[in-house]
Amino acid sequence: MIELKAKTKKWGNSIGILIPKEAIRKENIKPDQEVTVLISAKPITKAGDIFGTMKFKKSTEELMREVDKDLDFGF
């Protein structure tokens, strides 16, 4: 995963971003490949900016056990 800054460009009725060549090489991105993009028009200064104030019905420990089980780490 790479964090980068990009400038937006008008593209028809939409706005697009260009992915720098260095990021394309590092992540091995190919044309027509689906990618995940995190967009923030303001600087991210703390984890709360990314994750907000989400409330979970399960504890962190329970969630981590489920992730470990799904990934089959054998813990």
N, C-alpha and C. Protein backbone atom coordinates (compact mmCIF):
# COMPACT_ATOMS: atom_id res chain seq x y z
N MET A 1 0.85 -1.17 0.00
CA MET A 1 0.00 0.00 0.00
C MET A 1 0.90 1.24 0.00
N ILE A 2 0.49 2.23 -0.78
CA ILE A 2 1.26 3.46 -0.92
C ILE A 2 0.35 4.63 -0.59
N GLU A 3 0.90 5.60 0.12
CA GLU A 3 0.18 6.86 0.32
C GLU A 3 0.82 7.88 -0.61
N LEU A 4 0.01 8.60 -1.37
CA LEU A 4 0.54 9.60 -2.29
C LEU A 4 -0.42 10.76 -2.41
N LYS A 5 0.08 11.86 -2.91
CA LYS A 5 -0.75 13.02 -3.19
C LYS A 5 -0.91 13.10 -4.70
N ALA A 6 -2.11 13.47 -5.15
CA ALA A 6 -2.37 13.58 -6.58
C ALA A 6 -3.25 14.80 -6.82
N LYS A 7 -3.10 15.42 -7.97
CA LYS A 7 -3.95 16.54 -8.35
C LYS A 7 -5.10 16.02 -9.18
N THR A 8 -6.26 16.59 -8.96
CA THR A 8 -7.44 16.18 -9.73
C THR A 8 -7.42 16.88 -11.08
N LYS A 9 -8.02 16.23 -12.06
CA LYS A 9 -8.13 16.78 -13.42
C LYS A 9 -9.56 16.59 -13.91
N LYS A 10 -10.06 17.56 -14.63
CA LYS A 10 -11.38 17.44 -15.24
C LYS A 10 -11.31 16.39 -16.34
N TRP A 11 -12.28 15.49 -16.35
CA TRP A 11 -12.31 14.41 -17.33
C TRP A 11 -13.76 14.23 -17.76
N GLY A 12 -14.16 14.90 -18.81
CA GLY A 12 -15.56 14.89 -19.23
C GLY A 12 -16.40 15.54 -18.15
N ASN A 13 -17.43 14.86 -17.68
CA ASN A 13 -18.27 15.37 -16.60
C ASN A 13 -17.79 14.91 -15.23
N SER A 14 -16.63 14.28 -15.18
CA SER A 14 -16.09 13.73 -13.94
C SER A 14 -14.78 14.41 -13.58
N ILE A 15 -14.23 14.00 -12.47
CA ILE A 15 -12.90 14.43 -12.06
C ILE A 15 -12.08 13.16 -11.87
N GLY A 16 -10.87 13.13 -12.39
CA GLY A 16 -10.02 11.96 -12.27
C GLY A 16 -8.69 12.31 -11.61
N ILE A 17 -7.96 11.29 -11.22
CA ILE A 17 -6.60 11.47 -10.71
C ILE A 17 -5.67 10.58 -11.52
N LEU A 18 -4.42 10.99 -11.61
CA LEU A 18 -3.40 10.19 -12.27
C LEU A 18 -2.54 9.52 -11.21
N ILE A 19 -2.26 8.27 -11.40
CA ILE A 19 -1.41 7.52 -10.48
C ILE A 19 0.04 7.62 -11.01
N PRO A 20 0.94 8.13 -10.19
CA PRO A 20 2.33 8.27 -10.64
C PRO A 20 2.96 6.93 -11.02
N LYS A 21 3.88 6.98 -11.98
CA LYS A 21 4.55 5.78 -12.49
C LYS A 21 5.22 4.98 -11.37
N GLU A 22 5.83 5.68 -10.40
CA GLU A 22 6.50 5.00 -9.30
C GLU A 22 5.51 4.14 -8.50
N ALA A 23 4.31 4.66 -8.24
CA ALA A 23 3.30 3.90 -7.52
C ALA A 23 2.80 2.72 -8.35
N ILE A 24 2.67 2.92 -9.65
CA ILE A 24 2.23 1.85 -10.54
C ILE A 24 3.23 0.70 -10.51
N ARG A 25 4.51 1.03 -10.56
CA ARG A 25 5.55 -0.01 -10.52
C ARG A 25 5.56 -0.74 -9.18
N LYS A 26 5.52 0.05 -8.08
CA LYS A 26 5.63 -0.53 -6.76
C LYS A 26 4.45 -1.46 -6.45
N GLU A 27 3.25 -1.08 -6.87
CA GLU A 27 2.06 -1.88 -6.59
C GLU A 27 1.70 -2.83 -7.73
N ASN A 28 2.48 -2.80 -8.82
CA ASN A 28 2.25 -3.65 -9.98
C ASN A 28 0.81 -3.49 -10.51
N ILE A 29 0.39 -2.24 -10.68
CA ILE A 29 -0.95 -1.93 -11.16
C ILE A 29 -1.00 -2.06 -12.68
N LYS A 30 -2.04 -2.70 -13.15
CA LYS A 30 -2.23 -2.93 -14.59
C LYS A 30 -3.45 -2.15 -15.08
N PRO A 31 -3.52 -1.84 -16.38
CA PRO A 31 -4.71 -1.18 -16.93
C PRO A 31 -5.97 -2.01 -16.67
N ASP A 32 -7.07 -1.33 -16.42
CA ASP A 32 -8.38 -1.94 -16.17
C ASP A 32 -8.44 -2.76 -14.88
N GLN A 33 -7.43 -2.62 -14.03
CA GLN A 33 -7.43 -3.32 -12.74
C GLN A 33 -8.20 -2.47 -11.73
N GLU A 34 -9.00 -3.12 -10.89
CA GLU A 34 -9.71 -2.41 -9.84
C GLU A 34 -8.75 -2.16 -8.68
N VAL A 35 -8.73 -0.91 -8.19
CA VAL A 35 -7.89 -0.54 -7.06
C VAL A 35 -8.76 0.14 -6.00
N THR A 36 -8.27 0.18 -4.78
CA THR A 36 -8.96 0.87 -3.70
C THR A 36 -8.25 2.19 -3.45
N VAL A 37 -9.03 3.25 -3.34
CA VAL A 37 -8.47 4.59 -3.16
C VAL A 37 -9.10 5.22 -1.92
N LEU A 38 -8.28 5.74 -1.03
CA LEU A 38 -8.74 6.50 0.13
C LEU A 38 -8.61 7.97 -0.24
N ILE A 39 -9.71 8.71 -0.22
CA ILE A 39 -9.69 10.11 -0.64
C ILE A 39 -9.93 11.01 0.56
N SER A 40 -9.08 12.01 0.71
CA SER A 40 -9.24 13.01 1.76
C SER A 40 -8.78 14.34 1.20
N ALA A 41 -9.68 15.33 1.18
CA ALA A 41 -9.32 16.65 0.68
C ALA A 41 -8.59 17.46 1.75
N LYS A 42 -8.57 16.96 2.98
CA LYS A 42 -7.85 17.63 4.05
C LYS A 42 -6.75 16.70 4.55
N PRO A 43 -5.69 17.25 5.14
CA PRO A 43 -4.61 16.39 5.64
C PRO A 43 -5.10 15.45 6.74
N ILE A 44 -4.60 14.23 6.72
CA ILE A 44 -4.92 13.26 7.75
C ILE A 44 -3.87 13.41 8.84
N THR A 45 -4.32 13.77 10.04
CA THR A 45 -3.38 14.03 11.12
C THR A 45 -3.45 13.01 12.24
N LYS A 46 -4.52 12.22 12.27
CA LYS A 46 -4.65 11.22 13.32
C LYS A 46 -5.53 10.07 12.83
N ALA A 47 -5.46 8.95 13.50
CA ALA A 47 -6.22 7.76 13.08
C ALA A 47 -7.71 8.05 13.03
N GLY A 48 -8.21 8.90 13.91
CA GLY A 48 -9.63 9.23 13.92
C GLY A 48 -10.09 9.87 12.62
N ASP A 49 -9.18 10.56 11.92
CA ASP A 49 -9.52 11.15 10.62
C ASP A 49 -9.82 10.06 9.60
N ILE A 50 -9.15 8.92 9.73
CA ILE A 50 -9.36 7.82 8.79
C ILE A 50 -10.55 6.98 9.21
N PHE A 51 -10.61 6.62 10.47
CA PHE A 51 -11.60 5.67 10.95
C PHE A 51 -12.83 6.33 11.56
N GLY A 52 -12.77 7.64 11.83
CA GLY A 52 -13.91 8.32 12.41
C GLY A 52 -14.21 7.83 13.81
N THR A 53 -15.48 7.84 14.14
CA THR A 53 -15.89 7.42 15.48
C THR A 53 -16.83 6.24 15.37
N MET A 54 -16.44 5.25 14.61
CA MET A 54 -17.27 4.06 14.42
C MET A 54 -17.42 3.31 15.74
N LYS A 55 -18.62 2.84 15.99
CA LYS A 55 -18.89 2.03 17.18
C LYS A 55 -19.12 0.59 16.73
N PHE A 56 -18.44 -0.35 17.37
CA PHE A 56 -18.57 -1.75 17.03
C PHE A 56 -19.36 -2.47 18.11
N LYS A 57 -20.11 -3.49 17.72
CA LYS A 57 -20.89 -4.27 18.67
C LYS A 57 -20.03 -5.31 19.37
N LYS A 58 -18.84 -5.58 18.81
CA LYS A 58 -17.95 -6.58 19.39
C LYS A 58 -16.68 -5.88 19.89
N SER A 59 -16.03 -6.52 20.84
CA SER A 59 -14.78 -5.96 21.35
C SER A 59 -13.67 -6.14 20.31
N THR A 60 -12.62 -5.37 20.48
CA THR A 60 -11.47 -5.49 19.59
C THR A 60 -10.92 -6.91 19.61
N GLU A 61 -10.86 -7.50 20.79
CA GLU A 61 -10.35 -8.87 20.91
C GLU A 61 -11.20 -9.85 20.10
N GLU A 62 -12.53 -9.71 20.18
CA GLU A 62 -13.41 -10.60 19.42
C GLU A 62 -13.22 -10.40 17.92
N LEU A 63 -13.10 -9.16 17.50
CA LEU A 63 -12.89 -8.88 16.07
C LEU A 63 -11.57 -9.46 15.59
N MET A 64 -10.51 -9.33 16.40
CA MET A 64 -9.21 -9.87 16.01
C MET A 64 -9.23 -11.39 15.92
N ARG A 65 -9.95 -12.04 16.84
CA ARG A 65 -10.08 -13.51 16.77
C ARG A 65 -10.76 -13.92 15.47
N GLU A 66 -11.79 -13.18 15.08
CA GLU A 66 -12.50 -13.49 13.83
C GLU A 66 -11.58 -13.32 12.62
N VAL A 67 -10.80 -12.25 12.62
CA VAL A 67 -9.86 -12.02 11.53
C VAL A 67 -8.84 -13.15 11.47
N ASP A 68 -8.27 -13.50 12.62
CA ASP A 68 -7.30 -14.60 12.66
C ASP A 68 -7.92 -15.90 12.15
N LYS A 69 -9.16 -16.15 12.54
CA LYS A 69 -9.84 -17.36 12.09
C LYS A 69 -10.05 -17.33 10.57
N ASP A 70 -10.49 -16.18 10.06
CA ASP A 70 -10.72 -16.04 8.61
C ASP A 70 -9.43 -16.20 7.83
N LEU A 71 -8.32 -15.72 8.39
CA LEU A 71 -7.03 -15.82 7.70
C LEU A 71 -6.33 -17.13 8.00
N ASP A 72 -6.90 -17.91 8.92
CA ASP A 72 -6.39 -19.23 9.27
C ASP A 72 -4.95 -19.21 9.74
N PHE A 73 -4.65 -18.32 10.69
CA PHE A 73 -3.32 -18.26 11.28
C PHE A 73 -3.12 -19.36 12.30
N GLY A 74 -4.19 -19.99 12.74
CA GLY A 74 -4.07 -21.08 13.71
C GLY A 74 -3.82 -20.65 15.13
N PHE A 75 -4.19 -19.43 15.46
CA PHE A 75 -4.01 -18.95 16.84
C PHE A 75 -5.10 -19.43 17.73
